[in-house]
Amino acid sequence: MAKETTNISEYRKMDVAKLKKELATARMKLQDLRNQLTIGKLKNHQELRKVRHSIAQMETILNEKIILEAISHGEN
C-alpha cells in the first residue's frame, strides 16, 4: 500500500494506472487486517480506519480522473 505519509495531493499526482495499482494494494491490506481482527491478532484497530480512509480517497480521485477524461474526450 501507499506510505503512511501519502496524502490526497500525492494521489492527485498519480496517473490512473498507478492509482488503480495502489487501490488494489490497499484493498488487499484491508482484507489482511480484517482477517487479523477475526483471529484476534490485530493490535492496532486504528489501522483499519486509516486504510479504509485511504481507499475512499483513492476511489474519489480515481473517479474524478475518469470523469475528467470522459469530458475531455467528449469535447474533441
N, C-alpha and C. Protein backbone atom coordinates (compact mmCIF):
# COMPACT_ATOMS: atom_id res chain seq x y z
N MET A 1 0.83 -1.18 0.00
CA MET A 1 0.00 0.00 0.00
C MET A 1 0.87 1.24 0.00
N ALA A 2 0.23 2.36 -0.16
CA ALA A 2 0.94 3.63 -0.13
C ALA A 2 1.54 3.88 1.24
N LYS A 3 2.57 4.69 1.26
CA LYS A 3 3.22 5.02 2.53
C LYS A 3 2.25 5.71 3.45
N GLU A 4 2.54 5.68 4.75
CA GLU A 4 1.70 6.33 5.73
C GLU A 4 1.56 7.82 5.44
N THR A 5 2.58 8.43 4.83
CA THR A 5 2.57 9.87 4.61
C THR A 5 1.86 10.26 3.32
N THR A 6 1.35 9.28 2.56
CA THR A 6 0.66 9.61 1.31
C THR A 6 -0.60 10.39 1.64
N ASN A 7 -0.72 11.52 1.00
CA ASN A 7 -1.93 12.31 1.22
C ASN A 7 -2.65 12.52 -0.10
N ILE A 8 -3.74 13.21 -0.04
CA ILE A 8 -4.60 13.34 -1.22
C ILE A 8 -3.90 14.06 -2.37
N SER A 9 -3.02 15.00 -2.07
CA SER A 9 -2.32 15.69 -3.16
C SER A 9 -1.37 14.74 -3.89
N GLU A 10 -0.80 13.78 -3.19
CA GLU A 10 0.05 12.79 -3.85
C GLU A 10 -0.77 11.85 -4.71
N TYR A 11 -1.98 11.51 -4.26
CA TYR A 11 -2.86 10.68 -5.08
C TYR A 11 -3.23 11.41 -6.36
N ARG A 12 -3.45 12.71 -6.28
CA ARG A 12 -3.82 13.50 -7.46
C ARG A 12 -2.70 13.54 -8.50
N LYS A 13 -1.46 13.44 -8.06
CA LYS A 13 -0.31 13.47 -8.98
C LYS A 13 -0.14 12.15 -9.73
N MET A 14 -0.72 11.07 -9.20
CA MET A 14 -0.56 9.75 -9.82
C MET A 14 -1.42 9.65 -11.07
N ASP A 15 -0.94 8.83 -12.03
CA ASP A 15 -1.78 8.56 -13.19
C ASP A 15 -2.79 7.47 -12.82
N VAL A 16 -3.73 7.23 -13.70
CA VAL A 16 -4.82 6.30 -13.42
C VAL A 16 -4.31 4.89 -13.14
N ALA A 17 -3.36 4.41 -13.93
CA ALA A 17 -2.85 3.05 -13.75
C ALA A 17 -2.17 2.88 -12.38
N LYS A 18 -1.35 3.85 -12.01
CA LYS A 18 -0.67 3.78 -10.71
C LYS A 18 -1.68 3.85 -9.56
N LEU A 19 -2.68 4.70 -9.73
CA LEU A 19 -3.71 4.83 -8.70
C LEU A 19 -4.50 3.53 -8.53
N LYS A 20 -4.80 2.87 -9.65
CA LYS A 20 -5.52 1.59 -9.58
C LYS A 20 -4.67 0.54 -8.89
N LYS A 21 -3.37 0.56 -9.15
CA LYS A 21 -2.47 -0.39 -8.51
C LYS A 21 -2.42 -0.15 -7.00
N GLU A 22 -2.30 1.11 -6.60
CA GLU A 22 -2.28 1.46 -5.18
C GLU A 22 -3.59 1.07 -4.50
N LEU A 23 -4.70 1.27 -5.21
CA LEU A 23 -6.01 0.93 -4.68
C LEU A 23 -6.14 -0.58 -4.46
N ALA A 24 -5.67 -1.36 -5.40
CA ALA A 24 -5.71 -2.83 -5.27
C ALA A 24 -4.86 -3.28 -4.08
N THR A 25 -3.70 -2.66 -3.92
CA THR A 25 -2.82 -3.00 -2.80
C THR A 25 -3.48 -2.64 -1.47
N ALA A 26 -4.13 -1.50 -1.43
CA ALA A 26 -4.80 -1.06 -0.20
C ALA A 26 -5.96 -2.00 0.15
N ARG A 27 -6.69 -2.45 -0.87
CA ARG A 27 -7.79 -3.38 -0.61
C ARG A 27 -7.29 -4.72 -0.08
N MET A 28 -6.15 -5.16 -0.60
CA MET A 28 -5.57 -6.41 -0.09
C MET A 28 -5.12 -6.23 1.38
N LYS A 29 -4.56 -5.07 1.67
CA LYS A 29 -4.13 -4.80 3.05
C LYS A 29 -5.34 -4.76 3.98
N LEU A 30 -6.44 -4.15 3.52
CA LEU A 30 -7.65 -4.10 4.33
C LEU A 30 -8.17 -5.51 4.61
N GLN A 31 -8.16 -6.36 3.60
CA GLN A 31 -8.61 -7.74 3.80
C GLN A 31 -7.72 -8.46 4.81
N ASP A 32 -6.42 -8.24 4.70
CA ASP A 32 -5.49 -8.85 5.64
C ASP A 32 -5.75 -8.36 7.07
N LEU A 33 -6.00 -7.07 7.21
CA LEU A 33 -6.29 -6.52 8.54
C LEU A 33 -7.59 -7.09 9.10
N ARG A 34 -8.58 -7.25 8.24
CA ARG A 34 -9.85 -7.84 8.69
C ARG A 34 -9.65 -9.29 9.14
N ASN A 35 -8.81 -10.02 8.42
CA ASN A 35 -8.52 -11.39 8.82
C ASN A 35 -7.81 -11.42 10.17
N GLN A 36 -6.85 -10.51 10.36
CA GLN A 36 -6.15 -10.43 11.63
C GLN A 36 -7.11 -10.10 12.77
N LEU A 37 -8.06 -9.21 12.50
CA LEU A 37 -9.05 -8.83 13.51
C LEU A 37 -9.90 -10.04 13.89
N THR A 38 -10.28 -10.83 12.89
CA THR A 38 -11.11 -12.00 13.14
C THR A 38 -10.42 -13.03 14.03
N ILE A 39 -9.14 -13.25 13.81
CA ILE A 39 -8.44 -14.26 14.60
C ILE A 39 -7.81 -13.69 15.86
N GLY A 40 -7.97 -12.38 16.06
CA GLY A 40 -7.50 -11.77 17.29
C GLY A 40 -6.05 -11.35 17.30
N LYS A 41 -5.43 -11.23 16.13
CA LYS A 41 -4.03 -10.85 16.06
C LYS A 41 -3.82 -9.35 15.88
N LEU A 42 -4.86 -8.63 15.48
CA LEU A 42 -4.72 -7.20 15.20
C LEU A 42 -4.61 -6.43 16.51
N LYS A 43 -3.52 -5.70 16.65
CA LYS A 43 -3.29 -4.94 17.88
C LYS A 43 -3.68 -3.48 17.72
N ASN A 44 -3.53 -2.94 16.51
CA ASN A 44 -3.85 -1.54 16.28
C ASN A 44 -5.11 -1.45 15.43
N HIS A 45 -6.25 -1.32 16.09
CA HIS A 45 -7.53 -1.27 15.38
C HIS A 45 -7.66 0.01 14.55
N GLN A 46 -6.94 1.03 14.89
CA GLN A 46 -6.98 2.30 14.17
C GLN A 46 -6.48 2.12 12.73
N GLU A 47 -5.65 1.12 12.52
CA GLU A 47 -5.11 0.86 11.19
C GLU A 47 -6.22 0.56 10.19
N LEU A 48 -7.27 -0.14 10.62
CA LEU A 48 -8.42 -0.42 9.75
C LEU A 48 -9.02 0.89 9.25
N ARG A 49 -9.22 1.81 10.14
CA ARG A 49 -9.81 3.10 9.79
C ARG A 49 -8.92 3.86 8.81
N LYS A 50 -7.62 3.85 9.06
CA LYS A 50 -6.69 4.57 8.17
C LYS A 50 -6.72 3.99 6.76
N VAL A 51 -6.74 2.67 6.67
CA VAL A 51 -6.73 2.03 5.35
C VAL A 51 -8.05 2.30 4.62
N ARG A 52 -9.17 2.20 5.33
CA ARG A 52 -10.46 2.49 4.70
C ARG A 52 -10.51 3.94 4.21
N HIS A 53 -9.96 4.84 5.01
CA HIS A 53 -9.93 6.25 4.64
C HIS A 53 -9.08 6.46 3.38
N SER A 54 -7.93 5.81 3.32
CA SER A 54 -7.07 5.92 2.14
C SER A 54 -7.76 5.37 0.90
N ILE A 55 -8.46 4.25 1.07
CA ILE A 55 -9.19 3.66 -0.06
C ILE A 55 -10.26 4.63 -0.56
N ALA A 56 -10.98 5.25 0.35
CA ALA A 56 -12.01 6.21 -0.05
C ALA A 56 -11.40 7.39 -0.80
N GLN A 57 -10.26 7.87 -0.33
CA GLN A 57 -9.59 8.98 -1.01
C GLN A 57 -9.16 8.56 -2.42
N MET A 58 -8.56 7.38 -2.53
CA MET A 58 -8.10 6.91 -3.83
C MET A 58 -9.26 6.73 -4.80
N GLU A 59 -10.39 6.16 -4.31
CA GLU A 59 -11.55 5.95 -5.18
C GLU A 59 -12.12 7.29 -5.65
N THR A 60 -12.14 8.27 -4.76
CA THR A 60 -12.64 9.59 -5.13
C THR A 60 -11.79 10.21 -6.22
N ILE A 61 -10.48 10.20 -6.04
CA ILE A 61 -9.57 10.77 -7.03
C ILE A 61 -9.66 10.01 -8.34
N LEU A 62 -9.73 8.69 -8.27
CA LEU A 62 -9.83 7.88 -9.48
C LEU A 62 -11.10 8.22 -10.26
N ASN A 63 -12.22 8.35 -9.55
CA ASN A 63 -13.47 8.71 -10.21
C ASN A 63 -13.39 10.11 -10.83
N GLU A 64 -12.75 11.04 -10.14
CA GLU A 64 -12.57 12.38 -10.70
C GLU A 64 -11.78 12.31 -11.99
N LYS A 65 -10.69 11.54 -11.99
CA LYS A 65 -9.85 11.43 -13.18
C LYS A 65 -10.61 10.80 -14.33
N ILE A 66 -11.40 9.78 -14.05
CA ILE A 66 -12.18 9.10 -15.10
C ILE A 66 -13.21 10.05 -15.69
N ILE A 67 -13.88 10.82 -14.83
CA ILE A 67 -14.88 11.78 -15.30
C ILE A 67 -14.21 12.86 -16.16
N LEU A 68 -13.08 13.37 -15.70
CA LEU A 68 -12.37 14.39 -16.47
C LEU A 68 -11.91 13.87 -17.83
N GLU A 69 -11.48 12.61 -17.86
CA GLU A 69 -11.08 12.00 -19.14
C GLU A 69 -12.27 11.92 -20.08
N ALA A 70 -13.42 11.50 -19.54
CA ALA A 70 -14.61 11.37 -20.37
C ALA A 70 -15.06 12.72 -20.90
N ILE A 71 -14.97 13.74 -20.07
CA ILE A 71 -15.36 15.08 -20.50
C ILE A 71 -14.39 15.59 -21.57
N SER A 72 -13.10 15.40 -21.36
CA SER A 72 -12.13 15.91 -22.33
C SER A 72 -12.23 15.16 -23.66
N HIS A 73 -12.57 13.88 -23.63
CA HIS A 73 -12.73 13.12 -24.89
C HIS A 73 -14.02 13.53 -25.60
N GLY A 74 -15.00 13.94 -24.84
CA GLY A 74 -16.27 14.37 -25.41
C GLY A 74 -16.17 15.70 -26.12
N GLU A 75 -15.22 16.53 -25.70
CA GLU A 75 -15.07 17.85 -26.31
C GLU A 75 -14.39 17.78 -27.66
N ASN A 76 -13.61 16.73 -27.89
CA ASN A 76 -12.86 16.62 -29.15
C ASN A 76 -13.71 16.13 -30.27
